[in-house]
Amino acid sequence: MEAEAAERRRWEEERKRQEEKEKRDRDHNRWRRFIQFAKLWEEARLAGSFLDALEKHSLEPETTYGEKTSLEWLKWARERQHAFDPSRWHIAGVWRDLASITAWESSKPLLATYLEKERGVLLS
């Protein structure tokens, strides 16, 4: 009986250690995702500043470059900048994304699923 009780305690302690490790790992992975959101936000801010500068110095708005005019390129870039700026998203989607993170999957698209589902933005 004592051996069985000792074995149960050992298994229970191991289970608790495993649960604590999984919680630490999940929290760490969620923080990694949060930092990815922050980096995306930082890139969107940088792109916005660059676009502001381009708009101030834009010459010949109807000149065509490839398939678009200068104005069309500026509009295209501004739309992308807004689409990829997490501070412009519905905040619940950001929290849902963080809550869905358990294990770190480097192959999981950073925000492609979020953008397609929440914003209707197709990345391809």
PDB file of N, CA and C in Angstrom:
ATOM      1  N   MET A   1       0.813  -1.196   0.000  1.00  0.00           N
ATOM      2  CA  MET A   1       0.000   0.000   0.000  1.00  0.00           C
ATOM      3  C   MET A   1       0.861   1.266   0.000  1.00  0.00           C
ATOM      4  N   GLU A   2       1.879   1.261   0.830  1.00  0.00           N
ATOM      5  CA  GLU A   2       2.745   2.445   0.881  1.00  0.00           C
ATOM      6  C   GLU A   2       3.455   2.667  -0.458  1.00  0.00           C
ATOM      7  N   ALA A   3       3.841   1.578  -1.090  1.00  0.00           N
ATOM      8  CA  ALA A   3       4.513   1.690  -2.393  1.00  0.00           C
ATOM      9  C   ALA A   3       3.564   2.270  -3.431  1.00  0.00           C
ATOM     10  N   GLU A   4       2.310   1.853  -3.404  1.00  0.00           N
ATOM     11  CA  GLU A   4       1.323   2.388  -4.341  1.00  0.00           C
ATOM     12  C   GLU A   4       1.072   3.868  -4.084  1.00  0.00           C
ATOM     13  N   ALA A   5       0.972   4.246  -2.825  1.00  0.00           N
ATOM     14  CA  ALA A   5       0.749   5.654  -2.475  1.00  0.00           C
ATOM     15  C   ALA A   5       1.956   6.498  -2.897  1.00  0.00           C
ATOM     16  N   ALA A   6       3.147   5.989  -2.694  1.00  0.00           N
ATOM     17  CA  ALA A   6       4.357   6.706  -3.091  1.00  0.00           C
ATOM     18  C   ALA A   6       4.406   6.868  -4.612  1.00  0.00           C
ATOM     19  N   GLU A   7       4.021   5.817  -5.310  1.00  0.00           N
ATOM     20  CA  GLU A   7       3.997   5.875  -6.777  1.00  0.00           C
ATOM     21  C   GLU A   7       2.976   6.904  -7.258  1.00  0.00           C
ATOM     22  N   ARG A   8       1.796   6.929  -6.644  1.00  0.00           N
ATOM     23  CA  ARG A   8       0.771   7.925  -7.010  1.00  0.00           C
ATOM     24  C   ARG A   8       1.268   9.346  -6.756  1.00  0.00           C
ATOM     25  N   ARG A   9       1.941   9.556  -5.613  1.00  0.00           N
ATOM     26  CA  ARG A   9       2.490  10.889  -5.308  1.00  0.00           C
ATOM     27  C   ARG A   9       3.534  11.291  -6.342  1.00  0.00           C
ATOM     28  N   ARG A  10       4.387  10.333  -6.702  1.00  0.00           N
ATOM     29  CA  ARG A  10       5.418  10.620  -7.695  1.00  0.00           C
ATOM     30  C   ARG A  10       4.783  10.990  -9.030  1.00  0.00           C
ATOM     31  N   TRP A  11       3.777  10.249  -9.457  1.00  0.00           N
ATOM     32  CA  TRP A  11       3.085  10.557 -10.702  1.00  0.00           C
ATOM     33  C   TRP A  11       2.388  11.913 -10.626  1.00  0.00           C
ATOM     34  N   GLU A  12       1.779  12.215  -9.497  1.00  0.00           N
ATOM     35  CA  GLU A  12       1.092  13.496  -9.319  1.00  0.00           C
ATOM     36  C   GLU A  12       2.091  14.656  -9.369  1.00  0.00           C
ATOM     37  N   GLU A  13       3.238  14.480  -8.707  1.00  0.00           N
ATOM     38  CA  GLU A  13       4.269  15.518  -8.739  1.00  0.00           C
ATOM     39  C   GLU A  13       4.786  15.723 -10.157  1.00  0.00           C
ATOM     40  N   GLU A  14       4.976  14.632 -10.873  1.00  0.00           N
ATOM     41  CA  GLU A  14       5.447  14.726 -12.259  1.00  0.00           C
ATOM     42  C   GLU A  14       4.402  15.426 -13.131  1.00  0.00           C
ATOM     43  N   ARG A  15       3.144  15.086 -12.943  1.00  0.00           N
ATOM     44  CA  ARG A  15       2.062  15.727 -13.698  1.00  0.00           C
ATOM     45  C   ARG A  15       2.036  17.231 -13.431  1.00  0.00           C
ATOM     46  N   LYS A  16       2.193  17.628 -12.168  1.00  0.00           N
ATOM     47  CA  LYS A  16       2.210  19.056 -11.820  1.00  0.00           C
ATOM     48  C   LYS A  16       3.402  19.756 -12.447  1.00  0.00           C
ATOM     49  N   ARG A  17       4.577  19.116 -12.404  1.00  0.00           N
ATOM     50  CA  ARG A  17       5.767  19.711 -13.035  1.00  0.00           C
ATOM     51  C   ARG A  17       5.538  19.900 -14.527  1.00  0.00           C
ATOM     52  N   GLN A  18       4.938  18.892 -15.157  1.00  0.00           N
ATOM     53  CA  GLN A  18       4.664  18.972 -16.598  1.00  0.00           C
ATOM     54  C   GLN A  18       3.674  20.094 -16.900  1.00  0.00           C
ATOM     55  N   GLU A  19       2.622  20.223 -16.115  1.00  0.00           N
ATOM     56  CA  GLU A  19       1.635  21.295 -16.308  1.00  0.00           C
ATOM     57  C   GLU A  19       2.275  22.670 -16.132  1.00  0.00           C
ATOM     58  N   GLU A  20       3.145  22.808 -15.134  1.00  0.00           N
ATOM     59  CA  GLU A  20       3.834  24.088 -14.917  1.00  0.00           C
ATOM     60  C   GLU A  20       4.750  24.416 -16.094  1.00  0.00           C
ATOM     61  N   LYS A  21       5.455  23.397 -16.596  1.00  0.00           N
ATOM     62  CA  LYS A  21       6.325  23.613 -17.760  1.00  0.00           C
ATOM     63  C   LYS A  21       5.495  24.019 -18.975  1.00  0.00           C
ATOM     64  N   GLU A  22       4.382  23.347 -19.209  1.00  0.00           N
ATOM     65  CA  GLU A  22       3.524  23.687 -20.342  1.00  0.00           C
ATOM     66  C   GLU A  22       2.991  25.107 -20.217  1.00  0.00           C
ATOM     67  N   LYS A  23       2.639  25.524 -19.019  1.00  0.00           N
ATOM     68  CA  LYS A  23       2.155  26.897 -18.805  1.00  0.00           C
ATOM     69  C   LYS A  23       3.263  27.906 -19.092  1.00  0.00           C
ATOM     70  N   ARG A  24       4.484  27.631 -18.589  1.00  0.00           N
ATOM     71  CA  ARG A  24       5.614  28.534 -18.864  1.00  0.00           C
ATOM     72  C   ARG A  24       5.882  28.618 -20.370  1.00  0.00           C
ATOM     73  N   ASP A  25       5.881  27.453 -21.039  1.00  0.00           N
ATOM     74  CA  ASP A  25       6.118  27.429 -22.485  1.00  0.00           C
ATOM     75  C   ASP A  25       5.035  28.190 -23.235  1.00  0.00           C
ATOM     76  N   ARG A  26       3.779  27.989 -22.870  1.00  0.00           N
ATOM     77  CA  ARG A  26       2.656  28.676 -23.518  1.00  0.00           C
ATOM     78  C   ARG A  26       2.787  30.189 -23.323  1.00  0.00           C
ATOM     79  N   ASP A  27       3.088  30.612 -22.099  1.00  0.00           N
ATOM     80  CA  ASP A  27       3.261  32.044 -21.842  1.00  0.00           C
ATOM     81  C   ASP A  27       4.409  32.623 -22.655  1.00  0.00           C
ATOM     82  N   HIS A  28       5.507  31.880 -22.729  1.00  0.00           N
ATOM     83  CA  HIS A  28       6.662  32.335 -23.516  1.00  0.00           C
ATOM     84  C   HIS A  28       6.289  32.458 -24.990  1.00  0.00           C
ATOM     85  N   ASN A  29       5.579  31.470 -25.520  1.00  0.00           N
ATOM     86  CA  ASN A  29       5.186  31.489 -26.933  1.00  0.00           C
ATOM     87  C   ASN A  29       4.192  32.607 -27.220  1.00  0.00           C
ATOM     88  N   ARG A  30       3.300  32.865 -26.298  1.00  0.00           N
ATOM     89  CA  ARG A  30       2.366  33.986 -26.476  1.00  0.00           C
ATOM     90  C   ARG A  30       3.123  35.307 -26.475  1.00  0.00           C
ATOM     91  N   TRP A  31       4.122  35.415 -25.623  1.00  0.00           N
ATOM     92  CA  TRP A  31       4.930  36.645 -25.614  1.00  0.00           C
ATOM     93  C   TRP A  31       5.671  36.797 -26.936  1.00  0.00           C
ATOM     94  N   ARG A  32       6.198  35.712 -27.480  1.00  0.00           N
ATOM     95  CA  ARG A  32       6.868  35.765 -28.782  1.00  0.00           C
ATOM     96  C   ARG A  32       5.907  36.291 -29.846  1.00  0.00           C
ATOM     97  N   ARG A  33       4.672  35.813 -29.827  1.00  0.00           N
ATOM     98  CA  ARG A  33       3.669  36.267 -30.790  1.00  0.00           C
ATOM     99  C   ARG A  33       3.369  37.755 -30.575  1.00  0.00           C
ATOM    100  N   PHE A  34       3.241  38.153 -29.304  1.00  0.00           N
ATOM    101  CA  PHE A  34       2.973  39.557 -29.002  1.00  0.00           C
ATOM    102  C   PHE A  34       4.083  40.446 -29.563  1.00  0.00           C
ATOM    103  N   ILE A  35       5.317  40.017 -29.427  1.00  0.00           N
ATOM    104  CA  ILE A  35       6.458  40.772 -29.974  1.00  0.00           C
ATOM    105  C   ILE A  35       6.362  40.821 -31.494  1.00  0.00           C
ATOM    106  N   GLN A  36       5.880  39.759 -32.129  1.00  0.00           N
ATOM    107  CA  GLN A  36       5.688  39.799 -33.581  1.00  0.00           C
ATOM    108  C   GLN A  36       4.657  40.860 -33.952  1.00  0.00           C
ATOM    109  N   PHE A  37       3.576  40.952 -33.174  1.00  0.00           N
ATOM    110  CA  PHE A  37       2.593  42.007 -33.410  1.00  0.00           C
ATOM    111  C   PHE A  37       3.260  43.379 -33.285  1.00  0.00           C
ATOM    112  N   ALA A  38       4.078  43.546 -32.243  1.00  0.00           N
ATOM    113  CA  ALA A  38       4.743  44.833 -32.023  1.00  0.00           C
ATOM    114  C   ALA A  38       5.674  45.185 -33.182  1.00  0.00           C
ATOM    115  N   LYS A  39       6.385  44.198 -33.691  1.00  0.00           N
ATOM    116  CA  LYS A  39       7.280  44.447 -34.831  1.00  0.00           C
ATOM    117  C   LYS A  39       6.485  44.818 -36.075  1.00  0.00           C
ATOM    118  N   LEU A  40       5.369  44.160 -36.269  1.00  0.00           N
ATOM    119  CA  LEU A  40       4.516  44.491 -37.410  1.00  0.00           C
ATOM    120  C   LEU A  40       3.997  45.919 -37.289  1.00  0.00           C
ATOM    121  N   TRP A  41       3.599  46.293 -36.087  1.00  0.00           N
ATOM    122  CA  TRP A  41       3.135  47.661 -35.824  1.00  0.00           C
ATOM    123  C   TRP A  41       4.257  48.663 -36.111  1.00  0.00           C
ATOM    124  N   GLU A  42       5.466  48.339 -35.659  1.00  0.00           N
ATOM    125  CA  GLU A  42       6.604  49.223 -35.892  1.00  0.00           C
ATOM    126  C   GLU A  42       6.883  49.377 -37.390  1.00  0.00           C
ATOM    127  N   GLU A  43       6.809  48.286 -38.132  1.00  0.00           N
ATOM    128  CA  GLU A  43       7.008  48.354 -39.583  1.00  0.00           C
ATOM    129  C   GLU A  43       5.925  49.191 -40.254  1.00  0.00           C
ATOM    130  N   ALA A  44       4.682  49.054 -39.785  1.00  0.00           N
ATOM    131  CA  ALA A  44       3.581  49.839 -40.356  1.00  0.00           C
ATOM    132  C   ALA A  44       3.803  51.327 -40.084  1.00  0.00           C
ATOM    133  N   ARG A  45       4.273  51.658 -38.885  1.00  0.00           N
ATOM    134  CA  ARG A  45       4.571  53.066 -38.573  1.00  0.00           C
ATOM    135  C   ARG A  45       5.682  53.593 -39.473  1.00  0.00           C
ATOM    136  N   LEU A  46       6.728  52.805 -39.666  1.00  0.00           N
ATOM    137  CA  LEU A  46       7.836  53.204 -40.534  1.00  0.00           C
ATOM    138  C   LEU A  46       7.338  53.407 -41.966  1.00  0.00           C
ATOM    139  N   ALA A  47       6.536  52.464 -42.454  1.00  0.00           N
ATOM    140  CA  ALA A  47       5.983  52.587 -43.802  1.00  0.00           C
ATOM    141  C   ALA A  47       5.103  53.827 -43.914  1.00  0.00           C
ATOM    142  N   GLY A  48       4.319  54.114 -42.870  1.00  0.00           N
ATOM    143  CA  GLY A  48       3.469  55.306 -42.869  1.00  0.00           C
ATOM    144  C   GLY A  48       4.283  56.584 -42.954  1.00  0.00           C
ATOM    145  N   SER A  49       5.369  56.637 -42.210  1.00  0.00           N
ATOM    146  CA  SER A  49       6.243  57.820 -42.259  1.00  0.00           C
ATOM    147  C   SER A  49       6.860  57.982 -43.645  1.00  0.00           C
ATOM    148  N   PHE A  50       7.281  56.880 -44.223  1.00  0.00           N
ATOM    149  CA  PHE A  50       7.851  56.927 -45.563  1.00  0.00           C
ATOM    150  C   PHE A  50       6.807  57.391 -46.571  1.00  0.00           C
ATOM    151  N   LEU A  51       5.599  56.865 -46.452  1.00  0.00           N
ATOM    152  CA  LEU A  51       4.518  57.293 -47.355  1.00  0.00           C
ATOM    153  C   LEU A  51       4.210  58.776 -47.193  1.00  0.00           C
ATOM    154  N   ASP A  52       4.204  59.262 -45.964  1.00  0.00           N
ATOM    155  CA  ASP A  52       3.983  60.697 -45.723  1.00  0.00           C
ATOM    156  C   ASP A  52       5.020  61.522 -46.479  1.00  0.00           C
ATOM    157  N   ALA A  53       6.278  61.094 -46.402  1.00  0.00           N
ATOM    158  CA  ALA A  53       7.348  61.812 -47.101  1.00  0.00           C
ATOM    159  C   ALA A  53       7.159  61.738 -48.615  1.00  0.00           C
ATOM    160  N   LEU A  54       6.787  60.565 -49.123  1.00  0.00           N
ATOM    161  CA  LEU A  54       6.567  60.425 -50.565  1.00  0.00           C
ATOM    162  C   LEU A  54       5.411  61.303 -51.035  1.00  0.00           C
ATOM    163  N   GLU A  55       4.344  61.351 -50.251  1.00  0.00           N
ATOM    164  CA  GLU A  55       3.188  62.166 -50.629  1.00  0.00           C
ATOM    165  C   GLU A  55       3.536  63.650 -50.680  1.00  0.00           C
ATOM    166  N   LYS A  56       4.422  64.095 -49.822  1.00  0.00           N
ATOM    167  CA  LYS A  56       4.833  65.502 -49.815  1.00  0.00           C
ATOM    168  C   LYS A  56       5.674  65.850 -51.039  1.00  0.00           C
ATOM    169  N   HIS A  57       6.396  64.874 -51.547  1.00  0.00           N
ATOM    170  CA  HIS A  57       7.311  65.128 -52.657  1.00  0.00           C
ATOM    171  C   HIS A  57       6.855  64.491 -53.964  1.00  0.00           C
ATOM    172  N   SER A  58       5.670  64.001 -53.992  1.00  0.00           N
ATOM    173  CA  SER A  58       5.178  63.308 -55.177  1.00  0.00           C
ATOM    174  C   SER A  58       5.021  64.291 -56.333  1.00  0.00           C
ATOM    175  N   LEU A  59       5.694  63.984 -57.420  1.00  0.00           N
ATOM    176  CA  LEU A  59       5.606  64.793 -58.630  1.00  0.00           C
ATOM    177  C   LEU A  59       4.910  63.979 -59.711  1.00  0.00           C
ATOM    178  N   GLU A  60       4.268  64.661 -60.593  1.00  0.00           N
ATOM    179  CA  GLU A  60       3.628  64.028 -61.740  1.00  0.00           C
ATOM    180  C   GLU A  60       2.753  62.843 -61.309  1.00  0.00           C
ATOM    181  N   PRO A  61       1.640  63.137 -60.637  1.00  0.00           N
ATOM    182  CA  PRO A  61       0.796  62.082 -60.078  1.00  0.00           C
ATOM    183  C   PRO A  61       0.207  61.139 -61.122  1.00  0.00           C
ATOM    184  N   GLU A  62       0.135  61.558 -62.375  1.00  0.00           N
ATOM    185  CA  GLU A  62      -0.464  60.703 -63.397  1.00  0.00           C
ATOM    186  C   GLU A  62       0.567  59.915 -64.195  1.00  0.00           C
ATOM    187  N   THR A  63       1.853  60.086 -63.867  1.00  0.00           N
ATOM    188  CA  THR A  63       2.887  59.308 -64.552  1.00  0.00           C
ATOM    189  C   THR A  63       2.722  57.843 -64.172  1.00  0.00           C
ATOM    190  N   THR A  64       2.808  56.984 -65.180  1.00  0.00           N
ATOM    191  CA  THR A  64       2.606  55.552 -64.956  1.00  0.00           C
ATOM    192  C   THR A  64       3.944  54.856 -64.724  1.00  0.00           C
ATOM    193  N   TYR A  65       3.950  53.990 -63.708  1.00  0.00           N
ATOM    194  CA  TYR A  65       5.099  53.139 -63.395  1.00  0.00           C
ATOM    195  C   TYR A  65       4.582  51.710 -63.369  1.00  0.00           C
ATOM    196  N   GLY A  66       4.927  50.950 -64.390  1.00  0.00           N
ATOM    197  CA  GLY A  66       4.338  49.618 -64.501  1.00  0.00           C
ATOM    198  C   GLY A  66       2.864  49.765 -64.825  1.00  0.00           C
ATOM    199  N   GLU A  67       2.019  49.138 -64.057  1.00  0.00           N
ATOM    200  CA  GLU A  67       0.576  49.176 -64.330  1.00  0.00           C
ATOM    201  C   GLU A  67      -0.161  50.254 -63.536  1.00  0.00           C
ATOM    202  N   LYS A  68       0.553  51.057 -62.735  1.00  0.00           N
ATOM    203  CA  LYS A  68      -0.113  52.052 -61.885  1.00  0.00           C
ATOM    204  C   LYS A  68       0.501  53.438 -62.052  1.00  0.00           C
ATOM    205  N   THR A  69      -0.317  54.436 -61.774  1.00  0.00           N
ATOM    206  CA  THR A  69       0.191  55.810 -61.723  1.00  0.00           C
ATOM    207  C   THR A  69       0.805  56.050 -60.343  1.00  0.00           C
ATOM    208  N   SER A  70       1.484  57.167 -60.187  1.00  0.00           N
ATOM    209  CA  SER A  70       2.052  57.518 -58.884  1.00  0.00           C
ATOM    210  C   SER A  70       0.979  57.522 -57.802  1.00  0.00           C
ATOM    211  N   LEU A  71      -0.166  58.132 -58.120  1.00  0.00           N
ATOM    212  CA  LEU A  71      -1.256  58.181 -57.139  1.00  0.00           C
ATOM    213  C   LEU A  71      -1.787  56.793 -56.799  1.00  0.00           C
ATOM    214  N   GLU A  72      -1.879  55.939 -57.795  1.00  0.00           N
ATOM    215  CA  GLU A  72      -2.349  54.577 -57.541  1.00  0.00           C
ATOM    216  C   GLU A  72      -1.361  53.792 -56.678  1.00  0.00           C
ATOM    217  N   TRP A  73      -0.050  54.010 -56.924  1.00  0.00           N
ATOM    218  CA  TRP A  73       0.949  53.345 -56.089  1.00  0.00           C
ATOM    219  C   TRP A  73       0.858  53.836 -54.650  1.00  0.00           C
ATOM    220  N   LEU A  74       0.684  55.137 -54.479  1.00  0.00           N
ATOM    221  CA  LEU A  74       0.553  55.674 -53.122  1.00  0.00           C
ATOM    222  C   LEU A  74      -0.685  55.106 -52.427  1.00  0.00           C
ATOM    223  N   LYS A  75      -1.792  55.028 -53.161  1.00  0.00           N
ATOM    224  CA  LYS A  75      -3.022  54.466 -52.595  1.00  0.00           C
ATOM    225  C   LYS A  75      -2.815  53.000 -52.237  1.00  0.00           C
ATOM    226  N   TRP A  76      -2.174  52.234 -53.128  1.00  0.00           N
ATOM    227  CA  TRP A  76      -1.901  50.823 -52.883  1.00  0.00           C
ATOM    228  C   TRP A  76      -1.049  50.658 -51.623  1.00  0.00           C
ATOM    229  N   ALA A  77       0.010  51.435 -51.524  1.00  0.00           N
ATOM    230  CA  ALA A  77       0.913  51.322 -50.379  1.00  0.00           C
ATOM    231  C   ALA A  77       0.213  51.725 -49.082  1.00  0.00           C
ATOM    232  N   ARG A  78      -0.606  52.755 -49.112  1.00  0.00           N
ATOM    233  CA  ARG A  78      -1.319  53.191 -47.907  1.00  0.00           C
ATOM    234  C   ARG A  78      -2.317  52.121 -47.458  1.00  0.00           C
ATOM    235  N   GLU A  79      -3.013  51.510 -48.401  1.00  0.00           N
ATOM    236  CA  GLU A  79      -3.956  50.438 -48.044  1.00  0.00           C
ATOM    237  C   GLU A  79      -3.232  49.270 -47.388  1.00  0.00           C
ATOM    238  N   ARG A  80      -2.081  48.899 -47.944  1.00  0.00           N
ATOM    239  CA  ARG A  80      -1.297  47.800 -47.349  1.00  0.00           C
ATOM    240  C   ARG A  80      -0.783  48.206 -45.971  1.00  0.00           C
ATOM    241  N   GLN A  81      -0.327  49.429 -45.846  1.00  0.00           N
ATOM    242  CA  GLN A  81       0.191  49.899 -44.555  1.00  0.00           C
ATOM    243  C   GLN A  81      -0.915  49.826 -43.500  1.00  0.00           C
ATOM    244  N   HIS A  82      -2.112  50.250 -43.849  1.00  0.00           N
ATOM    245  CA  HIS A  82      -3.231  50.189 -42.903  1.00  0.00           C
ATOM    246  C   HIS A  82      -3.620  48.750 -42.604  1.00  0.00           C
ATOM    247  N   ALA A  83      -3.634  47.894 -43.627  1.00  0.00           N
ATOM    248  CA  ALA A  83      -4.026  46.495 -43.431  1.00  0.00           C
ATOM    249  C   ALA A  83      -3.071  45.754 -42.503  1.00  0.00           C
ATOM    250  N   PHE A  84      -1.792  46.100 -42.550  1.00  0.00           N
ATOM    251  CA  PHE A  84      -0.793  45.390 -41.752  1.00  0.00           C
ATOM    252  C   PHE A  84      -0.472  46.084 -40.435  1.00  0.00           C
ATOM    253  N   ASP A  85      -1.207  47.105 -40.084  1.00  0.00           N
ATOM    254  CA  ASP A  85      -0.977  47.823 -38.823  1.00  0.00           C
ATOM    255  C   ASP A  85      -1.902  47.260 -37.747  1.00  0.00           C
ATOM    256  N   PRO A  86      -1.363  46.474 -36.806  1.00  0.00           N
ATOM    257  CA  PRO A  86      -2.209  45.849 -35.793  1.00  0.00           C
ATOM    258  C   PRO A  86      -2.983  46.853 -34.934  1.00  0.00           C
ATOM    259  N   SER A  87      -2.502  48.077 -34.829  1.00  0.00           N
ATOM    260  CA  SER A  87      -3.216  49.070 -34.012  1.00  0.00           C
ATOM    261  C   SER A  87      -4.521  49.513 -34.680  1.00  0.00           C
ATOM    262  N   ARG A  88      -4.709  49.164 -35.951  1.00  0.00           N
ATOM    263  CA  ARG A  88      -5.943  49.509 -36.670  1.00  0.00           C
ATOM    264  C   ARG A  88      -6.936  48.340 -36.694  1.00  0.00           C
ATOM    265  N   TRP A  89      -6.545  47.203 -36.142  1.00  0.00           N
ATOM    266  CA  TRP A  89      -7.392  46.017 -36.177  1.00  0.00           C
ATOM    267  C   TRP A  89      -8.370  46.012 -35.021  1.00  0.00           C
ATOM    268  N   HIS A  90      -9.352  45.187 -35.148  1.00  0.00           N
ATOM    269  CA  HIS A  90     -10.275  44.951 -34.037  1.00  0.00           C
ATOM    270  C   HIS A  90      -9.474  44.215 -32.960  1.00  0.00           C
ATOM    271  N   ILE A  91      -9.372  44.813 -31.804  1.00  0.00           N
ATOM    272  CA  ILE A  91      -8.492  44.297 -30.758  1.00  0.00           C
ATOM    273  C   ILE A  91      -8.834  42.867 -30.343  1.00  0.00           C
ATOM    274  N   ALA A  92     -10.106  42.497 -30.431  1.00  0.00           N
ATOM    275  CA  ALA A  92     -10.496  41.132 -30.042  1.00  0.00           C
ATOM    276  C   ALA A  92      -9.778  40.093 -30.901  1.00  0.00           C
ATOM    277  N   GLY A  93      -9.524  40.410 -32.164  1.00  0.00           N
ATOM    278  CA  GLY A  93      -8.811  39.479 -33.029  1.00  0.00           C
ATOM    279  C   GLY A  93      -7.376  39.259 -32.576  1.00  0.00           C
ATOM    280  N   VAL A  94      -6.741  40.323 -32.090  1.00  0.00           N
ATOM    281  CA  VAL A  94      -5.379  40.194 -31.571  1.00  0.00           C
ATOM    282  C   VAL A  94      -5.391  39.282 -30.351  1.00  0.00           C
ATOM    283  N   TRP A  95      -6.331  39.513 -29.439  1.00  0.00           N
ATOM    284  CA  TRP A  95      -6.394  38.690 -28.215  1.00  0.00           C
ATOM    285  C   TRP A  95      -6.745  37.243 -28.558  1.00  0.00           C
ATOM    286  N   ARG A  96      -7.639  37.038 -29.529  1.00  0.00           N
ATOM    287  CA  ARG A  96      -7.969  35.667 -29.939  1.00  0.00           C
ATOM    288  C   ARG A  96      -6.741  34.961 -30.496  1.00  0.00           C
ATOM    289  N   ASP A  97      -5.954  35.690 -31.284  1.00  0.00           N
ATOM    290  CA  ASP A  97      -4.741  35.097 -31.837  1.00  0.00           C
ATOM    291  C   ASP A  97      -3.793  34.703 -30.714  1.00  0.00           C
ATOM    292  N   LEU A  98      -3.586  35.601 -29.749  1.00  0.00           N
ATOM    293  CA  LEU A  98      -2.701  35.277 -28.626  1.00  0.00           C
ATOM    294  C   LEU A  98      -3.229  34.087 -27.837  1.00  0.00           C
ATOM    295  N   ALA A  99      -4.527  34.047 -27.606  1.00  0.00           N
ATOM    296  CA  ALA A  99      -5.118  32.948 -26.838  1.00  0.00           C
ATOM    297  C   ALA A  99      -4.976  31.614 -27.558  1.00  0.00           C
ATOM    298  N   SER A 100      -4.909  31.641 -28.889  1.00  0.00           N
ATOM    299  CA  SER A 100      -4.817  30.391 -29.650  1.00  0.00           C
ATOM    300  C   SER A 100      -3.417  29.801 -29.637  1.00  0.00           C
ATOM    301  N   ILE A 101      -2.425  30.573 -29.193  1.00  0.00           N
ATOM    302  CA  ILE A 101      -1.039  30.111 -29.203  1.00  0.00           C
ATOM    303  C   ILE A 101      -0.814  29.160 -28.035  1.00  0.00           C
ATOM    304  N   THR A 102      -0.338  27.970 -28.346  1.00  0.00           N
ATOM    305  CA  THR A 102       0.058  27.027 -27.302  1.00  0.00           C
ATOM    306  C   THR A 102       1.527  26.688 -27.547  1.00  0.00           C
ATOM    307  N   ALA A 103       1.788  25.877 -28.538  1.00  0.00           N
ATOM    308  CA  ALA A 103       3.163  25.555 -28.912  1.00  0.00           C
ATOM    309  C   ALA A 103       3.620  26.546 -29.974  1.00  0.00           C
ATOM    310  N   TRP A 104       4.921  26.727 -30.074  1.00  0.00           N
ATOM    311  CA  TRP A 104       5.454  27.629 -31.100  1.00  0.00           C
ATOM    312  C   TRP A 104       5.601  26.857 -32.387  1.00  0.00           C
ATOM    313  N   GLU A 105       4.953  27.346 -33.414  1.00  0.00           N
ATOM    314  CA  GLU A 105       5.021  26.718 -34.725  1.00  0.00           C
ATOM    315  C   GLU A 105       5.593  27.727 -35.696  1.00  0.00           C
ATOM    316  N   SER A 106       6.857  27.542 -36.037  1.00  0.00           N
ATOM    317  CA  SER A 106       7.496  28.507 -36.924  1.00  0.00           C
ATOM    318  C   SER A 106       6.838  28.511 -38.294  1.00  0.00           C
ATOM    319  N   SER A 107       6.179  27.413 -38.644  1.00  0.00           N
ATOM    320  CA  SER A 107       5.549  27.360 -39.957  1.00  0.00           C
ATOM    321  C   SER A 107       4.178  28.036 -39.957  1.00  0.00           C
ATOM    322  N   LYS A 108       3.625  28.313 -38.793  1.00  0.00           N
ATOM    323  CA  LYS A 108       2.307  28.954 -38.726  1.00  0.00           C
ATOM    324  C   LYS A 108       2.434  30.377 -39.256  1.00  0.00           C
ATOM    325  N   PRO A 109       1.634  30.732 -40.251  1.00  0.00           N
ATOM    326  CA  PRO A 109       1.722  32.090 -40.783  1.00  0.00           C
ATOM    327  C   PRO A 109       1.492  33.106 -39.669  1.00  0.00           C
ATOM    328  N   LEU A 110       2.374  34.068 -39.584  1.00  0.00           N
ATOM    329  CA  LEU A 110       2.298  35.040 -38.506  1.00  0.00           C
ATOM    330  C   LEU A 110       0.916  35.634 -38.372  1.00  0.00           C
ATOM    331  N   LEU A 111       0.452  36.279 -39.399  1.00  0.00           N
ATOM    332  CA  LEU A 111      -0.840  36.931 -39.307  1.00  0.00           C
ATOM    333  C   LEU A 111      -1.707  36.696 -40.529  1.00  0.00           C
ATOM    334  N   ALA A 112      -1.288  35.804 -41.390  1.00  0.00           N
ATOM    335  CA  ALA A 112      -2.054  35.579 -42.619  1.00  0.00           C
ATOM    336  C   ALA A 112      -3.481  35.149 -42.313  1.00  0.00           C
ATOM    337  N   THR A 113      -3.619  34.209 -41.412  1.00  0.00           N
ATOM    338  CA  THR A 113      -4.959  33.740 -41.066  1.00  0.00           C
ATOM    339  C   THR A 113      -5.776  34.872 -40.475  1.00  0.00           C
ATOM    340  N   TYR A 114      -5.154  35.649 -39.583  1.00  0.00           N
ATOM    341  CA  TYR A 114      -5.869  36.771 -38.963  1.00  0.00           C
ATOM    342  C   TYR A 114      -6.311  37.777 -40.022  1.00  0.00           C
ATOM    343  N   LEU A 115      -5.398  38.134 -40.888  1.00  0.00           N
ATOM    344  CA  LEU A 115      -5.718  39.143 -41.897  1.00  0.00           C
ATOM    345  C   LEU A 115      -6.833  38.671 -42.815  1.00  0.00           C
ATOM    346  N   GLU A 116      -6.778  37.411 -43.222  1.00  0.00           N
ATOM    347  CA  GLU A 116      -7.812  36.896 -44.116  1.00  0.00           C
ATOM    348  C   GLU A 116      -9.152  36.784 -43.407  1.00  0.00           C
ATOM    349  N   LYS A 117      -9.147  36.317 -42.169  1.00  0.00           N
ATOM    350  CA  LYS A 117     -10.381  36.092 -41.438  1.00  0.00           C
ATOM    351  C   LYS A 117     -10.985  37.400 -40.921  1.00  0.00           C
ATOM    352  N   GLU A 118     -10.171  38.229 -40.292  1.00  0.00           N
ATOM    353  CA  GLU A 118     -10.671  39.421 -39.614  1.00  0.00           C
ATOM    354  C   GLU A 118     -10.758  40.638 -40.534  1.00  0.00           C
ATOM    355  N   ARG A 119      -9.863  40.723 -41.505  1.00  0.00           N
ATOM    356  CA  ARG A 119      -9.778  41.937 -42.324  1.00  0.00           C
ATOM    357  C   ARG A 119     -10.144  41.706 -43.792  1.00  0.00           C
ATOM    358  N   GLY A 120     -10.218  40.454 -44.204  1.00  0.00           N
ATOM    359  CA  GLY A 120     -10.530  40.174 -45.599  1.00  0.00           C
ATOM    360  C   GLY A 120      -9.380  40.498 -46.538  1.00  0.00           C
ATOM    361  N   VAL A 121      -8.150  40.493 -46.023  1.00  0.00           N
ATOM    362  CA  VAL A 121      -6.970  40.806 -46.831  1.00  0.00           C
ATOM    363  C   VAL A 121      -6.329  39.494 -47.263  1.00  0.00           C
ATOM    364  N   LEU A 122      -6.199  39.300 -48.552  1.00  0.00           N
ATOM    365  CA  LEU A 122      -5.537  38.113 -49.066  1.00  0.00           C
ATOM    366  C   LEU A 122      -4.081  38.449 -49.337  1.00  0.00           C
ATOM    367  N   LEU A 123      -3.192  37.602 -48.862  1.00  0.00           N
ATOM    368  CA  LEU A 123      -1.755  37.877 -48.978  1.00  0.00           C
ATOM    369  C   LEU A 123      -1.141  37.337 -50.250  1.00  0.00           C
ATOM    370  N   SER A 124      -1.826  36.476 -50.951  1.00  0.00           N
ATOM    371  CA  SER A 124      -1.214  35.890 -52.148  1.00  0.00           C
ATOM    372  C   SER A 124      -1.449  36.748 -53.358  1.00  0.00           C
TER     373      SER A 124
END
